[in-house]
C-alpha atoms as a PDB file:
ATOM      1  CA  UNK A   1       0.000   0.000   0.000  1.00  0.00           C
ATOM      2  CA  UNK A   2       1.399   3.390  -0.958  1.00  0.00           C
ATOM      3  CA  UNK A   3       0.748   6.536   1.068  1.00  0.00           C
ATOM      4  CA  UNK A   4      -0.200   9.497  -1.092  1.00  0.00           C
ATOM      5  CA  UNK A   5       0.666  13.120  -0.483  1.00  0.00           C
ATOM      6  CA  UNK A   6      -2.206  15.495   0.136  1.00  0.00           C
ATOM      7  CA  UNK A   7      -3.007  18.088  -2.507  1.00  0.00           C
ATOM      8  CA  UNK A   8      -2.166  21.090  -0.260  1.00  0.00           C
ATOM      9  CA  UNK A   9       1.436  19.855   0.032  1.00  0.00           C
ATOM     10  CA  UNK A  10       1.704  19.124  -3.675  1.00  0.00           C
ATOM     11  CA  UNK A  11       0.801  22.706  -4.522  1.00  0.00           C
ATOM     12  CA  UNK A  12       3.538  24.097  -2.230  1.00  0.00           C
ATOM     13  CA  UNK A  13       6.229  21.746  -3.525  1.00  0.00           C
ATOM     14  CA  UNK A  14       9.335  23.095  -5.263  1.00  0.00           C
ATOM     15  CA  UNK A  15      10.189  21.632  -8.655  1.00  0.00           C
ATOM     16  CA  UNK A  16      13.746  21.787 -10.008  1.00  0.00           C
ATOM     17  CA  UNK A  17      14.622  20.212 -13.370  1.00  0.00           C
ATOM     18  CA  UNK A  18      11.451  18.125 -13.236  1.00  0.00           C
ATOM     19  CA  UNK A  19      12.220  16.757  -9.743  1.00  0.00           C
ATOM     20  CA  UNK A  20       9.861  17.627  -6.847  1.00  0.00           C
ATOM     21  CA  UNK A  21      11.250  18.764  -3.484  1.00  0.00           C
ATOM     22  CA  UNK A  22       9.746  19.415  -0.051  1.00  0.00           C
ATOM     23  CA  UNK A  23      10.935  21.864   2.574  1.00  0.00           C
ATOM     24  CA  UNK A  24      11.718  20.579   6.083  1.00  0.00           C
ATOM     25  CA  UNK A  25       8.234  21.268   7.464  1.00  0.00           C
ATOM     26  CA  UNK A  26       6.561  19.467   4.560  1.00  0.00           C
ATOM     27  CA  UNK A  27       8.928  16.484   4.702  1.00  0.00           C
ATOM     28  CA  UNK A  28       8.549  16.030   8.466  1.00  0.00           C
ATOM     29  CA  UNK A  29       4.755  16.327   8.170  1.00  0.00           C
ATOM     30  CA  UNK A  30       4.629  13.686   5.430  1.00  0.00           C
ATOM     31  CA  UNK A  31       6.853  11.347   7.441  1.00  0.00           C
ATOM     32  CA  UNK A  32       4.904  12.017  10.647  1.00  0.00           C
ATOM     33  CA  UNK A  33       8.034  12.987  12.583  1.00  0.00           C
ATOM     34  CA  UNK A  34       9.440  16.029  14.373  1.00  0.00           C
ATOM     35  CA  UNK A  35      11.971  18.316  12.680  1.00  0.00           C
ATOM     36  CA  UNK A  36      14.704  17.074  15.022  1.00  0.00           C
ATOM     37  CA  UNK A  37      14.043  13.513  13.824  1.00  0.00           C
ATOM     38  CA  UNK A  38      14.187  14.640  10.193  1.00  0.00           C
ATOM     39  CA  UNK A  39      17.598  16.211  10.832  1.00  0.00           C
ATOM     40  CA  UNK A  40      18.716  12.990  12.553  1.00  0.00           C
ATOM     41  CA  UNK A  41      17.667  11.011   9.448  1.00  0.00           C
ATOM     42  CA  UNK A  42      19.893  13.291   7.360  1.00  0.00           C
ATOM     43  CA  UNK A  43      22.869  13.091   9.737  1.00  0.00           C
ATOM     44  CA  UNK A  44      22.631   9.279   9.797  1.00  0.00           C
ATOM     45  CA  UNK A  45      22.346   9.006   6.010  1.00  0.00           C
ATOM     46  CA  UNK A  46      18.740   7.750   5.853  1.00  0.00           C
ATOM     47  CA  UNK A  47      17.671  10.840   3.884  1.00  0.00           C
ATOM     48  CA  UNK A  48      19.589  13.359   1.804  1.00  0.00           C
ATOM     49  CA  UNK A  49      18.989  17.101   1.956  1.00  0.00           C
ATOM     50  CA  UNK A  50      19.790  19.726  -0.673  1.00  0.00           C
ATOM     51  CA  UNK A  51      20.605  23.387  -0.157  1.00  0.00           C
ATOM     52  CA  UNK A  52      18.207  25.824  -1.809  1.00  0.00           C
ATOM     53  CA  UNK A  53      20.327  28.557  -3.365  1.00  0.00           C
ATOM     54  CA  UNK A  54      22.452  30.570  -0.959  1.00  0.00           C
ATOM     55  CA  UNK A  55      19.808  30.332   1.744  1.00  0.00           C
ATOM     56  CA  UNK A  56      20.245  28.097   4.741  1.00  0.00           C
ATOM     57  CA  UNK A  57      16.971  26.319   3.922  1.00  0.00           C
ATOM     58  CA  UNK A  58      17.261  22.664   2.961  1.00  0.00           C
ATOM     59  CA  UNK A  59      15.068  20.708   0.566  1.00  0.00           C
ATOM     60  CA  UNK A  60      14.250  17.001   0.534  1.00  0.00           C
ATOM     61  CA  UNK A  61      13.512  15.097  -2.668  1.00  0.00           C
ATOM     62  CA  UNK A  62       9.863  13.983  -2.626  1.00  0.00           C
ATOM     63  CA  UNK A  63      10.810  10.616  -4.093  1.00  0.00           C
ATOM     64  CA  UNK A  64      13.261   9.965  -1.217  1.00  0.00           C
ATOM     65  CA  UNK A  65      10.645  10.934   1.391  1.00  0.00           C
ATOM     66  CA  UNK A  66       8.112   8.616  -0.252  1.00  0.00           C
ATOM     67  CA  UNK A  67      10.651   5.758  -0.200  1.00  0.00           C
ATOM     68  CA  UNK A  68      11.035   6.217   3.577  1.00  0.00           C
ATOM     69  CA  UNK A  69       7.256   6.169   3.975  1.00  0.00           C
ATOM     70  CA  UNK A  70       7.048   2.959   1.941  1.00  0.00           C
ATOM     71  CA  UNK A  71       9.823   1.206   3.869  1.00  0.00           C
ATOM     72  CA  UNK A  72       8.765  -2.083   5.382  1.00  0.00           C
ATOM     73  CA  UNK A  73      10.335  -3.556   8.531  1.00  0.00           C
ATOM     74  CA  UNK A  74      13.082  -6.065   7.726  1.00  0.00           C
ATOM     75  CA  UNK A  75      11.964  -8.466  10.476  1.00  0.00           C
ATOM     76  CA  UNK A  76       8.375  -8.836   9.318  1.00  0.00           C
ATOM     77  CA  UNK A  77       5.144  -6.993   9.811  1.00  0.00           C
ATOM     78  CA  UNK A  78       4.802  -7.507  13.565  1.00  0.00           C
ATOM     79  CA  UNK A  79       5.719  -4.505  15.733  1.00  0.00           C
ATOM     80  CA  UNK A  80       8.301  -4.693  18.508  1.00  0.00           C
ATOM     81  CA  UNK A  81       6.935  -5.809  21.885  1.00  0.00           C
ATOM     82  CA  UNK A  82       6.391  -3.256  24.624  1.00  0.00           C
ATOM     83  CA  UNK A  83       9.468  -2.847  26.818  1.00  0.00           C
ATOM     84  CA  UNK A  84       7.612  -4.155  29.895  1.00  0.00           C
ATOM     85  CA  UNK A  85       6.847  -7.402  28.026  1.00  0.00           C
ATOM     86  CA  UNK A  86      10.495  -8.345  27.548  1.00  0.00           C
ATOM     87  CA  UNK A  87      12.214  -6.510  30.396  1.00  0.00           C
ATOM     88  CA  UNK A  88       9.833  -7.407  33.188  1.00  0.00           C
ATOM     89  CA  UNK A  89       8.112  -5.052  35.578  1.00  0.00           C
ATOM     90  CA  UNK A  90      10.300  -3.246  38.146  1.00  0.00           C
END
């Protein structure tokens, strides 16, 4: 199943040489994460950011963001157990 971007975000997207880009707020909203987590993804190499001109603002390729959304867990579809289930109650 593929998650689709909402139309409000698509209208605000930047397009450069036919490639669509999101700003940090748009990318974090689509991923459902905080900005700090988005920056952590970039620093750990999970997502690449691109500088927009001479500004400090960074852009994120829409295709790369969508690939992160579509990622499936490597260990199967079941979520991790709650910590109390495998650590025991204090």
